Amino acid sequence: MTKYDIETKVVEMLKTVFDPEIPVNVYDLGLIYSIDVNDDFDVKIEMTLTAPNCPAADFIMEDIHMKLESIHGVNKVDVELVFEPEWDKSMMSDEARLDLGFDL
């Protein structure tokens, strides 16, 4: 397994994590700022939330941890919550904006 394989699986898995209040996954919402896989297959994620006081923050972070740790080959998972830059709708994928009824 290569770092690229792990990154691909991480993205696939992140697309199964949803904010319970928004019917779009965290990856397409643009909440994932970076994915780093080191040579030991430790995964570090930098992410944000749609709002700093998001009531689902703990649920989302735990879901990401559990799902990424379940990927065969992943050694460790570190999810860091950041609020710089501040998230806005322009960070969403085109598909997410269409799903939520925003103009492209």
N, C-alpha and C. Protein backbone atom coordinates (compact mmCIF):
# COMPACT_ATOMS: atom_id res chain seq x y z
N MET A 1 0.84 -1.17 0.00
CA MET A 1 0.00 0.00 0.00
C MET A 1 0.90 1.24 0.00
N THR A 2 0.51 2.25 -0.77
CA THR A 2 1.29 3.49 -0.87
C THR A 2 0.59 4.63 -0.14
N LYS A 3 1.32 5.73 0.05
CA LYS A 3 0.71 6.91 0.66
C LYS A 3 -0.47 7.39 -0.19
N TYR A 4 -0.31 7.32 -1.52
CA TYR A 4 -1.39 7.73 -2.41
C TYR A 4 -2.64 6.86 -2.18
N ASP A 5 -2.45 5.55 -2.03
CA ASP A 5 -3.58 4.65 -1.78
C ASP A 5 -4.30 5.04 -0.49
N ILE A 6 -3.51 5.33 0.55
CA ILE A 6 -4.11 5.72 1.83
C ILE A 6 -4.86 7.04 1.67
N GLU A 7 -4.26 8.02 0.99
CA GLU A 7 -4.93 9.31 0.79
C GLU A 7 -6.25 9.12 0.05
N THR A 8 -6.24 8.28 -0.97
CA THR A 8 -7.46 8.02 -1.74
C THR A 8 -8.54 7.41 -0.84
N LYS A 9 -8.15 6.46 -0.02
CA LYS A 9 -9.11 5.83 0.90
C LYS A 9 -9.59 6.81 1.96
N VAL A 10 -8.71 7.70 2.42
CA VAL A 10 -9.11 8.72 3.39
C VAL A 10 -10.18 9.63 2.79
N VAL A 11 -9.98 10.09 1.57
CA VAL A 11 -10.97 10.94 0.91
C VAL A 11 -12.29 10.19 0.75
N GLU A 12 -12.22 8.94 0.30
CA GLU A 12 -13.44 8.14 0.16
C GLU A 12 -14.18 8.03 1.49
N MET A 13 -13.44 7.80 2.55
CA MET A 13 -14.05 7.65 3.87
C MET A 13 -14.61 8.98 4.38
N LEU A 14 -13.89 10.09 4.13
CA LEU A 14 -14.40 11.40 4.56
C LEU A 14 -15.72 11.74 3.87
N LYS A 15 -15.91 11.20 2.68
CA LYS A 15 -17.16 11.45 1.96
C LYS A 15 -18.33 10.67 2.55
N THR A 16 -18.07 9.87 3.60
CA THR A 16 -19.16 9.17 4.29
C THR A 16 -19.49 9.82 5.63
N VAL A 17 -18.81 10.94 5.94
CA VAL A 17 -19.02 11.65 7.21
C VAL A 17 -19.89 12.87 6.94
N PHE A 18 -21.00 12.95 7.65
CA PHE A 18 -21.95 14.04 7.43
C PHE A 18 -22.19 14.81 8.71
N ASP A 19 -22.38 16.12 8.57
CA ASP A 19 -22.91 16.93 9.66
C ASP A 19 -24.38 16.55 9.72
N PRO A 20 -24.90 16.14 10.89
CA PRO A 20 -26.29 15.69 10.97
C PRO A 20 -27.31 16.75 10.54
N GLU A 21 -26.89 18.01 10.53
CA GLU A 21 -27.81 19.09 10.17
C GLU A 21 -27.74 19.46 8.69
N ILE A 22 -26.74 18.94 7.97
CA ILE A 22 -26.55 19.29 6.56
C ILE A 22 -26.39 18.01 5.75
N PRO A 23 -27.19 17.83 4.70
CA PRO A 23 -27.14 16.57 3.94
C PRO A 23 -26.00 16.49 2.91
N VAL A 24 -24.83 17.00 3.28
CA VAL A 24 -23.65 16.95 2.40
C VAL A 24 -22.47 16.52 3.26
N ASN A 25 -21.59 15.71 2.69
CA ASN A 25 -20.44 15.21 3.46
C ASN A 25 -19.43 16.32 3.75
N VAL A 26 -18.60 16.08 4.78
CA VAL A 26 -17.65 17.10 5.23
C VAL A 26 -16.60 17.43 4.17
N TYR A 27 -16.26 16.47 3.33
CA TYR A 27 -15.27 16.72 2.28
C TYR A 27 -15.82 17.69 1.24
N ASP A 28 -17.02 17.40 0.72
CA ASP A 28 -17.62 18.26 -0.30
C ASP A 28 -18.08 19.60 0.26
N LEU A 29 -18.32 19.65 1.57
CA LEU A 29 -18.64 20.94 2.20
C LEU A 29 -17.41 21.85 2.25
N GLY A 30 -16.23 21.29 2.04
CA GLY A 30 -15.02 22.09 2.09
C GLY A 30 -14.48 22.26 3.50
N LEU A 31 -14.90 21.37 4.41
CA LEU A 31 -14.46 21.48 5.80
C LEU A 31 -13.07 20.88 6.02
N ILE A 32 -12.59 20.09 5.06
CA ILE A 32 -11.28 19.46 5.19
C ILE A 32 -10.26 20.36 4.51
N TYR A 33 -9.37 20.95 5.30
CA TYR A 33 -8.36 21.86 4.77
C TYR A 33 -7.11 21.13 4.30
N SER A 34 -6.72 20.06 4.98
CA SER A 34 -5.54 19.32 4.52
C SER A 34 -5.60 17.88 5.01
N ILE A 35 -4.99 17.02 4.19
CA ILE A 35 -4.82 15.61 4.51
C ILE A 35 -3.34 15.32 4.31
N ASP A 36 -2.69 14.85 5.37
CA ASP A 36 -1.28 14.52 5.28
C ASP A 36 -1.07 13.09 5.76
N VAL A 37 -0.44 12.29 4.91
CA VAL A 37 -0.10 10.91 5.27
C VAL A 37 1.41 10.82 5.28
N ASN A 38 2.00 10.45 6.43
CA ASN A 38 3.46 10.34 6.49
C ASN A 38 3.91 8.93 6.11
N ASP A 39 5.22 8.71 6.15
CA ASP A 39 5.78 7.43 5.72
C ASP A 39 5.36 6.25 6.59
N ASP A 40 4.93 6.52 7.82
CA ASP A 40 4.43 5.46 8.71
C ASP A 40 2.93 5.24 8.56
N PHE A 41 2.32 5.94 7.60
CA PHE A 41 0.87 5.88 7.36
C PHE A 41 0.07 6.44 8.53
N ASP A 42 0.66 7.43 9.22
CA ASP A 42 -0.10 8.22 10.18
C ASP A 42 -0.82 9.27 9.35
N VAL A 43 -2.08 9.53 9.69
CA VAL A 43 -2.89 10.49 8.94
C VAL A 43 -3.16 11.70 9.82
N LYS A 44 -2.88 12.88 9.27
CA LYS A 44 -3.21 14.12 9.97
C LYS A 44 -4.19 14.90 9.11
N ILE A 45 -5.29 15.27 9.71
CA ILE A 45 -6.33 16.04 9.04
C ILE A 45 -6.43 17.40 9.70
N GLU A 46 -6.45 18.46 8.91
CA GLU A 46 -6.80 19.78 9.42
C GLU A 46 -8.16 20.09 8.83
N MET A 47 -9.08 20.44 9.72
CA MET A 47 -10.45 20.69 9.27
C MET A 47 -11.06 21.83 10.07
N THR A 48 -12.19 22.28 9.59
CA THR A 48 -12.93 23.31 10.28
C THR A 48 -14.38 22.88 10.37
N LEU A 49 -15.20 23.77 10.85
CA LEU A 49 -16.64 23.55 10.94
C LEU A 49 -17.34 24.71 10.25
N THR A 50 -18.60 24.53 9.93
CA THR A 50 -19.33 25.63 9.29
C THR A 50 -19.51 26.80 10.25
N ALA A 51 -19.48 26.52 11.56
CA ALA A 51 -19.57 27.56 12.58
C ALA A 51 -18.79 27.10 13.80
N PRO A 52 -18.06 28.00 14.47
CA PRO A 52 -17.26 27.60 15.63
C PRO A 52 -18.07 26.94 16.75
N ASN A 53 -19.33 27.29 16.87
CA ASN A 53 -20.17 26.73 17.93
C ASN A 53 -21.05 25.59 17.44
N CYS A 54 -20.61 24.89 16.41
CA CYS A 54 -21.37 23.79 15.82
C CYS A 54 -21.71 22.75 16.89
N PRO A 55 -23.01 22.48 17.11
CA PRO A 55 -23.39 21.52 18.14
C PRO A 55 -23.00 20.08 17.82
N ALA A 56 -22.70 19.79 16.56
CA ALA A 56 -22.36 18.43 16.15
C ALA A 56 -20.84 18.21 16.08
N ALA A 57 -20.05 19.16 16.55
CA ALA A 57 -18.59 19.08 16.41
C ALA A 57 -18.03 17.78 16.98
N ASP A 58 -18.39 17.43 18.19
CA ASP A 58 -17.84 16.21 18.80
C ASP A 58 -18.24 14.97 18.01
N PHE A 59 -19.48 14.91 17.57
CA PHE A 59 -19.97 13.78 16.79
C PHE A 59 -19.18 13.66 15.49
N ILE A 60 -19.00 14.76 14.78
CA ILE A 60 -18.30 14.76 13.50
C ILE A 60 -16.84 14.31 13.68
N MET A 61 -16.17 14.88 14.67
CA MET A 61 -14.76 14.54 14.91
C MET A 61 -14.60 13.07 15.29
N GLU A 62 -15.49 12.56 16.12
CA GLU A 62 -15.41 11.15 16.52
C GLU A 62 -15.70 10.24 15.33
N ASP A 63 -16.66 10.62 14.50
CA ASP A 63 -16.98 9.83 13.30
C ASP A 63 -15.77 9.76 12.37
N ILE A 64 -15.09 10.89 12.18
CA ILE A 64 -13.89 10.91 11.33
C ILE A 64 -12.82 10.00 11.92
N HIS A 65 -12.56 10.14 13.22
CA HIS A 65 -11.55 9.28 13.86
C HIS A 65 -11.86 7.80 13.65
N MET A 66 -13.07 7.41 13.98
CA MET A 66 -13.44 5.99 13.88
C MET A 66 -13.32 5.47 12.46
N LYS A 67 -13.81 6.24 11.50
CA LYS A 67 -13.80 5.78 10.12
C LYS A 67 -12.40 5.72 9.54
N LEU A 68 -11.57 6.72 9.83
CA LEU A 68 -10.22 6.72 9.28
C LEU A 68 -9.36 5.65 9.94
N GLU A 69 -9.55 5.41 11.23
CA GLU A 69 -8.80 4.35 11.91
C GLU A 69 -9.19 2.96 11.40
N SER A 70 -10.35 2.84 10.78
CA SER A 70 -10.79 1.54 10.26
C SER A 70 -10.16 1.21 8.90
N ILE A 71 -9.47 2.17 8.29
CA ILE A 71 -8.85 1.93 6.98
C ILE A 71 -7.63 1.04 7.17
N HIS A 72 -7.61 -0.07 6.44
CA HIS A 72 -6.48 -0.99 6.52
C HIS A 72 -5.19 -0.27 6.12
N GLY A 73 -4.19 -0.33 6.97
CA GLY A 73 -2.91 0.31 6.69
C GLY A 73 -2.68 1.60 7.45
N VAL A 74 -3.76 2.24 7.90
CA VAL A 74 -3.61 3.48 8.66
C VAL A 74 -3.10 3.15 10.05
N ASN A 75 -2.06 3.85 10.47
CA ASN A 75 -1.46 3.61 11.77
C ASN A 75 -2.12 4.45 12.85
N LYS A 76 -2.07 5.77 12.70
CA LYS A 76 -2.61 6.71 13.67
C LYS A 76 -3.39 7.78 12.95
N VAL A 77 -4.38 8.36 13.64
CA VAL A 77 -5.18 9.44 13.07
C VAL A 77 -5.16 10.62 14.04
N ASP A 78 -4.85 11.79 13.51
CA ASP A 78 -4.88 13.03 14.28
C ASP A 78 -5.76 14.01 13.52
N VAL A 79 -6.83 14.46 14.17
CA VAL A 79 -7.73 15.43 13.55
C VAL A 79 -7.61 16.73 14.33
N GLU A 80 -7.16 17.76 13.63
CA GLU A 80 -6.98 19.07 14.26
C GLU A 80 -8.06 20.01 13.75
N LEU A 81 -8.75 20.62 14.68
CA LEU A 81 -9.80 21.58 14.37
C LEU A 81 -9.18 22.96 14.30
N VAL A 82 -9.33 23.64 13.17
CA VAL A 82 -8.79 24.99 12.98
C VAL A 82 -9.91 25.91 12.50
N PHE A 83 -9.74 27.19 12.74
CA PHE A 83 -10.75 28.15 12.30
C PHE A 83 -10.15 29.27 11.45
N GLU A 84 -8.92 29.03 10.96
CA GLU A 84 -8.27 29.96 10.04
C GLU A 84 -7.85 29.17 8.82
N PRO A 85 -8.23 29.49 7.64
CA PRO A 85 -9.17 30.55 7.32
C PRO A 85 -10.59 30.16 7.73
N GLU A 86 -11.40 31.15 7.92
CA GLU A 86 -12.79 30.91 8.28
C GLU A 86 -13.52 30.29 7.09
N TRP A 87 -14.34 29.28 7.37
CA TRP A 87 -15.08 28.59 6.31
C TRP A 87 -16.15 29.50 5.73
N ASP A 88 -16.36 29.40 4.42
CA ASP A 88 -17.50 30.06 3.79
C ASP A 88 -17.99 29.19 2.63
N LYS A 89 -19.14 29.53 2.11
CA LYS A 89 -19.81 28.70 1.09
C LYS A 89 -18.98 28.48 -0.17
N SER A 90 -18.06 29.38 -0.46
CA SER A 90 -17.25 29.23 -1.68
C SER A 90 -16.31 28.03 -1.59
N MET A 91 -16.12 27.47 -0.40
CA MET A 91 -15.23 26.32 -0.23
C MET A 91 -15.91 24.99 -0.58
N MET A 92 -17.21 25.03 -0.78
CA MET A 92 -17.95 23.82 -1.11
C MET A 92 -17.69 23.40 -2.56
N SER A 93 -17.79 22.11 -2.81
CA SER A 93 -17.70 21.63 -4.19
C SER A 93 -18.95 22.09 -4.95
N ASP A 94 -18.85 22.10 -6.27
CA ASP A 94 -20.02 22.46 -7.09
C ASP A 94 -21.20 21.55 -6.79
N GLU A 95 -20.90 20.26 -6.61
CA GLU A 95 -21.96 19.29 -6.31
C GLU A 95 -22.67 19.64 -5.00
N ALA A 96 -21.89 20.02 -3.99
CA ALA A 96 -22.48 20.38 -2.70
C ALA A 96 -23.36 21.62 -2.84
N ARG A 97 -22.88 22.61 -3.59
CA ARG A 97 -23.68 23.83 -3.77
C ARG A 97 -24.98 23.52 -4.50
N LEU A 98 -24.92 22.64 -5.49
CA LEU A 98 -26.14 22.25 -6.20
C LEU A 98 -27.09 21.51 -5.25
N ASP A 99 -26.54 20.58 -4.47
CA ASP A 99 -27.37 19.81 -3.53
C ASP A 99 -28.07 20.72 -2.52
N LEU A 100 -27.41 21.80 -2.13
CA LEU A 100 -27.99 22.70 -1.13
C LEU A 100 -28.74 23.87 -1.75
N GLY A 101 -28.79 23.91 -3.10
CA GLY A 101 -29.58 24.94 -3.77
C GLY A 101 -28.90 26.29 -3.90
N PHE A 102 -27.57 26.31 -3.82
CA PHE A 102 -26.82 27.57 -4.00
C PHE A 102 -26.47 27.75 -5.46
N ASP A 103 -26.35 28.99 -5.90
CA ASP A 103 -25.91 29.28 -7.26
C ASP A 103 -24.44 28.94 -7.42
N LEU A 104 -24.08 28.54 -8.64
CA LEU A 104 -22.66 28.22 -8.91
C LEU A 104 -21.91 29.45 -9.33
